[in-house]
Amino acid sequence: MDFLIKDILFNYSYITLYWLTFGYFIFLYFGVGSLFLFICKTLEKKHFLNKIESKEVSKKQIAFEIKHSIKSIVVFGFSIMPIIYLIRINVVELVPNTWFNIAAGVTLLTLWNEVHFYIVHRIMHQKFMMKNVHYIHHKSRVSTVYSVFSFHWIEALLLSTIPLTIVPFIPFSIVAVFIYPLVSILLNFAGHCNYRFGEGKGTSWRLFGTYHNEHHSRGRKNYGFSLNFLDKLFSKHNK
């Protein structure tokens, strides 16, 4: 496996790497997304999940989300290129792909994403960016699993820099970098699927999905990704 990874990192062309990355995100969005939605609907029938917003989502909204999500995935395809380039010129240091390094890397990337997303999201809610860029994502007043990548290309570009803004400074397992988009999109699905466990009463039920789903319906507050510790830390600014 390590031989195959090394071959990909150092011998594959950038065009090939682009299409591999593009295909990976397509699989995550349509493949994993469809499975996630199926599980949510199944759990809803068994009364384990309940919808946050009862309003039905139109086919027009879904088509809008898919169209802009594909545009975002086109942008995401380029995200691997600077990382591979930095690896090839020995600026980025990689650690062995042990279970510990993979788990630690995914955990650290998840925590860093909370900070990165919060900063980008607050920028997106400034008047100019909201009017000209972030409005696309907020077209989904009732969010769906297909809302997760429904961005303006500028927002997609900013959000695609999560690994690039940390990998040059901290050694990671390349497998952790590869696995992280899967972890990220699962958290994204939870934050956009419009479902929550039980009735969502009490803070213990509101972890992960509820906060960002409510951000879509209200258009303010809950600027964090899957957790809300930064929202609490900067609560006086979250109006």
C-alpha atoms as a PDB file:
ATOM      1  CA  MET A   1       0.000   0.000   0.000  1.00  0.00           C
ATOM      2  CA  ASP A   2       2.813   2.406   0.899  1.00  0.00           C
ATOM      3  CA  PHE A   3       4.404   1.706  -2.486  1.00  0.00           C
ATOM      4  CA  LEU A   4       1.142   2.614  -4.260  1.00  0.00           C
ATOM      5  CA  ILE A   5       0.783   5.814  -2.216  1.00  0.00           C
ATOM      6  CA  LYS A   6       4.374   6.804  -2.998  1.00  0.00           C
ATOM      7  CA  ASP A   7       3.760   6.115  -6.697  1.00  0.00           C
ATOM      8  CA  ILE A   8       0.683   8.354  -6.683  1.00  0.00           C
ATOM      9  CA  LEU A   9       2.427  11.148  -4.778  1.00  0.00           C
ATOM     10  CA  PHE A  10       5.521  11.318  -6.929  1.00  0.00           C
ATOM     11  CA  ASN A  11       4.745   9.790 -10.329  1.00  0.00           C
ATOM     12  CA  TYR A  12       1.162  10.647 -11.253  1.00  0.00           C
ATOM     13  CA  SER A  13       0.633  13.722 -13.424  1.00  0.00           C
ATOM     14  CA  TYR A  14      -1.210  16.710 -12.005  1.00  0.00           C
ATOM     15  CA  ILE A  15      -3.988  16.173 -14.552  1.00  0.00           C
ATOM     16  CA  THR A  16      -4.475  12.597 -13.312  1.00  0.00           C
ATOM     17  CA  LEU A  17      -4.402  13.785  -9.693  1.00  0.00           C
ATOM     18  CA  TYR A  18      -7.034  16.416 -10.508  1.00  0.00           C
ATOM     19  CA  TRP A  19      -9.440  13.847 -11.962  1.00  0.00           C
ATOM     20  CA  LEU A  20      -8.843  11.430  -9.106  1.00  0.00           C
ATOM     21  CA  THR A  21      -9.671  14.185  -6.614  1.00  0.00           C
ATOM     22  CA  PHE A  22     -12.676  15.320  -8.652  1.00  0.00           C
ATOM     23  CA  GLY A  23     -13.970  11.739  -8.806  1.00  0.00           C
ATOM     24  CA  TYR A  24     -13.430  11.280  -5.080  1.00  0.00           C
ATOM     25  CA  PHE A  25     -15.581  14.313  -4.253  1.00  0.00           C
ATOM     26  CA  ILE A  26     -18.250  13.231  -6.760  1.00  0.00           C
ATOM     27  CA  PHE A  27     -18.381   9.848  -5.011  1.00  0.00           C
ATOM     28  CA  LEU A  28     -18.622  11.483  -1.581  1.00  0.00           C
ATOM     29  CA  TYR A  29     -21.340  13.903  -2.676  1.00  0.00           C
ATOM     30  CA  PHE A  30     -23.593  11.605  -4.686  1.00  0.00           C
ATOM     31  CA  GLY A  31     -22.653   8.150  -3.375  1.00  0.00           C
ATOM     32  CA  VAL A  32     -22.176   8.723   0.335  1.00  0.00           C
ATOM     33  CA  GLY A  33     -24.773  11.524   0.279  1.00  0.00           C
ATOM     34  CA  SER A  34     -27.482   9.279  -1.173  1.00  0.00           C
ATOM     35  CA  LEU A  35     -26.693   6.580   1.404  1.00  0.00           C
ATOM     36  CA  PHE A  36     -26.767   9.137   4.223  1.00  0.00           C
ATOM     37  CA  LEU A  37     -30.173  10.430   3.085  1.00  0.00           C
ATOM     38  CA  PHE A  38     -31.539   6.879   2.806  1.00  0.00           C
ATOM     39  CA  ILE A  39     -30.425   6.127   6.386  1.00  0.00           C
ATOM     40  CA  CYS A  40     -31.985   9.375   7.638  1.00  0.00           C
ATOM     41  CA  LYS A  41     -35.342   8.551   6.014  1.00  0.00           C
ATOM     42  CA  THR A  42     -35.212   5.022   7.403  1.00  0.00           C
ATOM     43  CA  LEU A  43     -34.499   6.284  10.924  1.00  0.00           C
ATOM     44  CA  GLU A  44     -37.278   8.861  10.551  1.00  0.00           C
ATOM     45  CA  LYS A  45     -39.772   6.074   9.822  1.00  0.00           C
ATOM     46  CA  LYS A  46     -38.594   4.331  12.982  1.00  0.00           C
ATOM     47  CA  HIS A  47     -38.988   7.612  14.928  1.00  0.00           C
ATOM     48  CA  PHE A  48     -35.304   7.889  15.807  1.00  0.00           C
ATOM     49  CA  LEU A  49     -34.991  11.084  13.764  1.00  0.00           C
ATOM     50  CA  ASN A  50     -37.310  14.044  13.293  1.00  0.00           C
ATOM     51  CA  LYS A  51     -37.209  16.863  10.779  1.00  0.00           C
ATOM     52  CA  ILE A  52     -36.065  20.245  12.042  1.00  0.00           C
ATOM     53  CA  GLU A  53     -38.012  22.201   9.424  1.00  0.00           C
ATOM     54  CA  SER A  54     -41.226  20.586   8.182  1.00  0.00           C
ATOM     55  CA  LYS A  55     -41.449  22.626   4.982  1.00  0.00           C
ATOM     56  CA  GLU A  56     -41.039  20.515   1.844  1.00  0.00           C
ATOM     57  CA  VAL A  57     -38.046  21.182  -0.383  1.00  0.00           C
ATOM     58  CA  SER A  58     -38.825  21.768  -4.060  1.00  0.00           C
ATOM     59  CA  LYS A  59     -37.195  19.920  -6.945  1.00  0.00           C
ATOM     60  CA  LYS A  60     -36.066  23.347  -8.180  1.00  0.00           C
ATOM     61  CA  GLN A  61     -34.043  23.865  -5.009  1.00  0.00           C
ATOM     62  CA  ILE A  62     -32.431  20.416  -5.282  1.00  0.00           C
ATOM     63  CA  ALA A  63     -31.495  21.100  -8.922  1.00  0.00           C
ATOM     64  CA  PHE A  64     -30.012  24.472  -7.905  1.00  0.00           C
ATOM     65  CA  GLU A  65     -27.987  22.835  -5.140  1.00  0.00           C
ATOM     66  CA  ILE A  66     -26.656  20.070  -7.374  1.00  0.00           C
ATOM     67  CA  LYS A  67     -25.683  22.530 -10.110  1.00  0.00           C
ATOM     68  CA  HIS A  68     -23.670  24.722  -7.744  1.00  0.00           C
ATOM     69  CA  SER A  69     -22.257  21.721  -5.896  1.00  0.00           C
ATOM     70  CA  ILE A  70     -20.792  20.342  -9.126  1.00  0.00           C
ATOM     71  CA  LYS A  71     -19.195  23.755  -9.740  1.00  0.00           C
ATOM     72  CA  SER A  72     -17.719  23.581  -6.232  1.00  0.00           C
ATOM     73  CA  ILE A  73     -16.394  20.069  -6.850  1.00  0.00           C
ATOM     74  CA  VAL A  74     -14.646  21.383  -9.979  1.00  0.00           C
ATOM     75  CA  VAL A  75     -12.859  23.826  -7.652  1.00  0.00           C
ATOM     76  CA  PHE A  76     -12.197  21.149  -4.999  1.00  0.00           C
ATOM     77  CA  GLY A  77     -10.434  19.060  -7.625  1.00  0.00           C
ATOM     78  CA  PHE A  78      -7.574  21.559  -7.604  1.00  0.00           C
ATOM     79  CA  SER A  79      -7.144  21.412  -3.811  1.00  0.00           C
ATOM     80  CA  ILE A  80      -4.734  18.470  -3.861  1.00  0.00           C
ATOM     81  CA  MET A  81      -2.305  20.043  -6.326  1.00  0.00           C
ATOM     82  CA  PRO A  82      -0.481  22.526  -4.064  1.00  0.00           C
ATOM     83  CA  ILE A  83      -0.186  19.857  -1.363  1.00  0.00           C
ATOM     84  CA  ILE A  84       1.333  17.339  -3.801  1.00  0.00           C
ATOM     85  CA  TYR A  85       3.672  20.033  -5.134  1.00  0.00           C
ATOM     86  CA  LEU A  86       4.858  20.899  -1.608  1.00  0.00           C
ATOM     87  CA  ILE A  87       5.392  17.202  -0.880  1.00  0.00           C
ATOM     88  CA  ARG A  88       7.433  16.791  -4.056  1.00  0.00           C
ATOM     89  CA  ILE A  89       9.747  19.704  -3.194  1.00  0.00           C
ATOM     90  CA  ASN A  90      10.097  18.475   0.419  1.00  0.00           C
ATOM     91  CA  VAL A  91       8.346  21.441   2.029  1.00  0.00           C
ATOM     92  CA  VAL A  92       5.601  19.227   3.466  1.00  0.00           C
ATOM     93  CA  GLU A  93       6.795  16.438   5.747  1.00  0.00           C
ATOM     94  CA  LEU A  94       4.782  13.228   5.930  1.00  0.00           C
ATOM     95  CA  VAL A  95       4.691  10.804   8.842  1.00  0.00           C
ATOM     96  CA  PRO A  96       4.231   7.013   8.541  1.00  0.00           C
ATOM     97  CA  ASN A  97       0.697   5.754   7.914  1.00  0.00           C
ATOM     98  CA  THR A  98       0.270   4.054  11.286  1.00  0.00           C
ATOM     99  CA  TRP A  99      -3.167   3.726  12.880  1.00  0.00           C
ATOM    100  CA  PHE A 100      -2.178   6.270  15.530  1.00  0.00           C
ATOM    101  CA  ASN A 101      -0.898   8.812  13.007  1.00  0.00           C
ATOM    102  CA  ILE A 102      -3.998   8.423  10.857  1.00  0.00           C
ATOM    103  CA  ALA A 103      -6.391   8.825  13.808  1.00  0.00           C
ATOM    104  CA  ALA A 104      -4.412  11.757  15.243  1.00  0.00           C
ATOM    105  CA  GLY A 105      -4.230  13.428  11.833  1.00  0.00           C
ATOM    106  CA  VAL A 106      -7.965  13.128  11.154  1.00  0.00           C
ATOM    107  CA  THR A 107      -8.744  14.436  14.661  1.00  0.00           C
ATOM    108  CA  LEU A 108      -6.430  17.414  14.259  1.00  0.00           C
ATOM    109  CA  LEU A 109      -7.805  18.237  10.810  1.00  0.00           C
ATOM    110  CA  THR A 110     -11.346  18.041  12.222  1.00  0.00           C
ATOM    111  CA  LEU A 111     -10.505  20.492  15.007  1.00  0.00           C
ATOM    112  CA  TRP A 112      -8.645  22.791  12.625  1.00  0.00           C
ATOM    113  CA  ASN A 113     -11.652  22.743  10.301  1.00  0.00           C
ATOM    114  CA  GLU A 114     -13.773  24.171  13.120  1.00  0.00           C
ATOM    115  CA  VAL A 115     -11.448  27.178  13.335  1.00  0.00           C
ATOM    116  CA  HIS A 116     -10.950  27.558   9.582  1.00  0.00           C
ATOM    117  CA  PHE A 117     -14.659  27.237   8.803  1.00  0.00           C
ATOM    118  CA  TYR A 118     -15.647  29.688  11.525  1.00  0.00           C
ATOM    119  CA  ILE A 119     -13.264  32.347  10.173  1.00  0.00           C
ATOM    120  CA  VAL A 120     -14.364  31.853   6.554  1.00  0.00           C
ATOM    121  CA  HIS A 121     -18.027  31.736   7.551  1.00  0.00           C
ATOM    122  CA  ARG A 122     -17.826  34.997   9.482  1.00  0.00           C
ATOM    123  CA  ILE A 123     -16.181  36.599   6.448  1.00  0.00           C
ATOM    124  CA  MET A 124     -18.986  35.231   4.284  1.00  0.00           C
ATOM    125  CA  HIS A 125     -21.529  36.992   6.475  1.00  0.00           C
ATOM    126  CA  GLN A 126     -20.013  40.416   5.948  1.00  0.00           C
ATOM    127  CA  LYS A 127     -22.374  42.565   3.887  1.00  0.00           C
ATOM    128  CA  PHE A 128     -20.470  42.474   0.566  1.00  0.00           C
ATOM    129  CA  MET A 129     -19.698  38.745   0.721  1.00  0.00           C
ATOM    130  CA  MET A 130     -23.213  37.840   1.800  1.00  0.00           C
ATOM    131  CA  LYS A 131     -24.728  39.800  -1.080  1.00  0.00           C
ATOM    132  CA  ASN A 132     -22.347  38.625  -3.783  1.00  0.00           C
ATOM    133  CA  VAL A 133     -20.999  35.221  -2.669  1.00  0.00           C
ATOM    134  CA  HIS A 134     -22.578  33.505   0.334  1.00  0.00           C
ATOM    135  CA  TYR A 135     -26.154  34.138  -0.811  1.00  0.00           C
ATOM    136  CA  ILE A 136     -25.906  31.030  -3.001  1.00  0.00           C
ATOM    137  CA  HIS A 137     -25.455  28.755  -0.001  1.00  0.00           C
ATOM    138  CA  HIS A 138     -28.317  30.499   1.807  1.00  0.00           C
ATOM    139  CA  LYS A 139     -30.691  29.909  -1.074  1.00  0.00           C
ATOM    140  CA  SER A 140     -31.229  26.653   0.822  1.00  0.00           C
ATOM    141  CA  ARG A 141     -33.461  28.051   3.540  1.00  0.00           C
ATOM    142  CA  VAL A 142     -34.395  24.481   4.380  1.00  0.00           C
ATOM    143  CA  SER A 143     -31.103  22.673   3.965  1.00  0.00           C
ATOM    144  CA  THR A 144     -30.628  19.208   2.456  1.00  0.00           C
ATOM    145  CA  VAL A 145     -27.721  16.802   1.983  1.00  0.00           C
ATOM    146  CA  TYR A 146     -27.348  18.396  -1.446  1.00  0.00           C
ATOM    147  CA  SER A 147     -26.754  21.803   0.156  1.00  0.00           C
ATOM    148  CA  VAL A 148     -23.346  20.813   1.511  1.00  0.00           C
ATOM    149  CA  PHE A 149     -21.310  21.944  -1.523  1.00  0.00           C
ATOM    150  CA  SER A 150     -23.783  24.461  -2.899  1.00  0.00           C
ATOM    151  CA  PHE A 151     -21.385  27.423  -2.948  1.00  0.00           C
ATOM    152  CA  HIS A 152     -20.210  30.307  -5.066  1.00  0.00           C
ATOM    153  CA  TRP A 153     -16.833  29.341  -6.534  1.00  0.00           C
ATOM    154  CA  ILE A 154     -15.048  31.903  -4.326  1.00  0.00           C
ATOM    155  CA  GLU A 155     -16.478  30.335  -1.171  1.00  0.00           C
ATOM    156  CA  ALA A 156     -15.621  26.855  -2.490  1.00  0.00           C
ATOM    157  CA  LEU A 157     -12.046  28.004  -3.106  1.00  0.00           C
ATOM    158  CA  LEU A 158     -11.663  29.404   0.411  1.00  0.00           C
ATOM    159  CA  LEU A 159     -13.123  26.293   2.028  1.00  0.00           C
ATOM    160  CA  SER A 160     -10.893  24.019  -0.056  1.00  0.00           C
ATOM    161  CA  THR A 161      -7.780  25.428   1.662  1.00  0.00           C
ATOM    162  CA  ILE A 162      -8.331  23.641   4.985  1.00  0.00           C
ATOM    163  CA  PRO A 163      -5.480  21.101   4.537  1.00  0.00           C
ATOM    164  CA  LEU A 164      -3.234  23.627   2.761  1.00  0.00           C
ATOM    165  CA  THR A 165      -3.362  26.013   5.723  1.00  0.00           C
ATOM    166  CA  ILE A 166      -2.065  23.438   8.219  1.00  0.00           C
ATOM    167  CA  VAL A 167      -0.207  20.630   6.400  1.00  0.00           C
ATOM    168  CA  PRO A 168       2.915  22.735   5.664  1.00  0.00           C
ATOM    169  CA  PHE A 169       3.328  23.428   9.391  1.00  0.00           C
ATOM    170  CA  ILE A 170       2.482  20.088  11.011  1.00  0.00           C
ATOM    171  CA  PRO A 171       3.518  16.647   9.690  1.00  0.00           C
ATOM    172  CA  PHE A 172       0.541  14.475   8.734  1.00  0.00           C
ATOM    173  CA  SER A 173      -0.057  10.986   7.462  1.00  0.00           C
ATOM    174  CA  ILE A 174      -1.111  11.293   3.813  1.00  0.00           C
ATOM    175  CA  VAL A 175      -3.827   8.707   4.488  1.00  0.00           C
ATOM    176  CA  ALA A 176      -5.268  11.035   7.146  1.00  0.00           C
ATOM    177  CA  VAL A 177      -5.362  13.846   4.582  1.00  0.00           C
ATOM    178  CA  PHE A 178      -7.126  11.485   2.159  1.00  0.00           C
ATOM    179  CA  ILE A 179      -9.656  10.238   4.735  1.00  0.00           C
ATOM    180  CA  TYR A 180     -10.483  13.677   6.127  1.00  0.00           C
ATOM    181  CA  PRO A 181     -12.866  14.735   3.290  1.00  0.00           C
ATOM    182  CA  LEU A 182     -15.001  11.686   4.141  1.00  0.00           C
ATOM    183  CA  VAL A 183     -15.166  12.718   7.809  1.00  0.00           C
ATOM    184  CA  SER A 184     -15.843  16.315   6.817  1.00  0.00           C
ATOM    185  CA  ILE A 185     -18.678  15.503   4.437  1.00  0.00           C
ATOM    186  CA  LEU A 186     -20.355  13.194   6.989  1.00  0.00           C
ATOM    187  CA  LEU A 187     -20.360  16.087   9.461  1.00  0.00           C
ATOM    188  CA  ASN A 188     -21.600  18.326   6.645  1.00  0.00           C
ATOM    189  CA  PHE A 189     -24.455  15.940   5.897  1.00  0.00           C
ATOM    190  CA  ALA A 190     -25.379  15.953   9.582  1.00  0.00           C
ATOM    191  CA  GLY A 191     -25.360  19.752   9.514  1.00  0.00           C
ATOM    192  CA  HIS A 192     -27.538  20.055   6.410  1.00  0.00           C
ATOM    193  CA  CYS A 193     -29.821  16.995   6.351  1.00  0.00           C
ATOM    194  CA  ASN A 194     -32.641  18.758   8.258  1.00  0.00           C
ATOM    195  CA  TYR A 195     -32.900  15.895  10.745  1.00  0.00           C
ATOM    196  CA  ARG A 196     -32.061  15.573  14.430  1.00  0.00           C
ATOM    197  CA  PHE A 197     -32.327  12.892  17.043  1.00  0.00           C
ATOM    198  CA  GLY A 198     -35.551  12.873  19.048  1.00  0.00           C
ATOM    199  CA  GLU A 199     -37.261  16.207  19.527  1.00  0.00           C
ATOM    200  CA  GLY A 200     -33.987  18.078  19.857  1.00  0.00           C
ATOM    201  CA  LYS A 201     -34.771  19.231  23.382  1.00  0.00           C
ATOM    202  CA  GLY A 202     -31.866  20.031  25.665  1.00  0.00           C
ATOM    203  CA  THR A 203     -28.270  20.796  24.795  1.00  0.00           C
ATOM    204  CA  SER A 204     -27.282  17.131  24.613  1.00  0.00           C
ATOM    205  CA  TRP A 205     -29.574  16.622  21.621  1.00  0.00           C
ATOM    206  CA  ARG A 206     -28.350  19.701  19.796  1.00  0.00           C
ATOM    207  CA  LEU A 207     -24.811  18.570  19.109  1.00  0.00           C
ATOM    208  CA  PHE A 208     -23.635  18.560  15.479  1.00  0.00           C
ATOM    209  CA  GLY A 209     -26.491  18.870  12.996  1.00  0.00           C
ATOM    210  CA  THR A 210     -29.051  21.057  14.687  1.00  0.00           C
ATOM    211  CA  TYR A 211     -26.901  24.164  14.951  1.00  0.00           C
ATOM    212  CA  HIS A 212     -26.041  24.534  11.279  1.00  0.00           C
ATOM    213  CA  ASN A 213     -29.484  23.451  10.093  1.00  0.00           C
ATOM    214  CA  GLU A 214     -30.924  26.272  12.207  1.00  0.00           C
ATOM    215  CA  HIS A 215     -28.342  28.682  10.796  1.00  0.00           C
ATOM    216  CA  HIS A 216     -29.885  28.110   7.358  1.00  0.00           C
ATOM    217  CA  SER A 217     -33.435  28.715   8.521  1.00  0.00           C
ATOM    218  CA  ARG A 218     -32.552  31.805  10.589  1.00  0.00           C
ATOM    219  CA  GLY A 219     -29.725  33.191   8.482  1.00  0.00           C
ATOM    220  CA  ARG A 220     -27.669  34.191  11.537  1.00  0.00           C
ATOM    221  CA  LYS A 221     -25.935  32.779  14.617  1.00  0.00           C
ATOM    222  CA  ASN A 222     -24.404  29.283  14.729  1.00  0.00           C
ATOM    223  CA  TYR A 223     -21.443  30.133  12.500  1.00  0.00           C
ATOM    224  CA  GLY A 224     -19.467  27.062  13.552  1.00  0.00           C
ATOM    225  CA  PHE A 225     -19.114  23.883  11.518  1.00  0.00           C
ATOM    226  CA  SER A 226     -20.252  20.882  13.569  1.00  0.00           C
ATOM    227  CA  LEU A 227     -19.524  22.092  17.099  1.00  0.00           C
ATOM    228  CA  ASN A 228     -20.403  25.413  18.648  1.00  0.00           C
ATOM    229  CA  PHE A 229     -17.546  26.183  21.025  1.00  0.00           C
ATOM    230  CA  LEU A 230     -16.381  29.149  18.918  1.00  0.00           C
ATOM    231  CA  ASP A 231     -19.935  30.481  18.779  1.00  0.00           C
ATOM    232  CA  LYS A 232     -20.036  30.370  22.565  1.00  0.00           C
ATOM    233  CA  LEU A 233     -16.588  31.936  22.849  1.00  0.00           C
ATOM    234  CA  PHE A 234     -17.562  34.843  20.589  1.00  0.00           C
ATOM    235  CA  SER A 235     -21.264  34.864  21.455  1.00  0.00           C
ATOM    236  CA  LYS A 236     -21.522  38.620  21.853  1.00  0.00           C
ATOM    237  CA  HIS A 237     -20.480  39.008  18.192  1.00  0.00           C
ATOM    238  CA  ASN A 238     -22.858  36.387  16.802  1.00  0.00           C
ATOM    239  CA  LYS A 239     -25.880  38.577  16.353  1.00  0.00           C
END
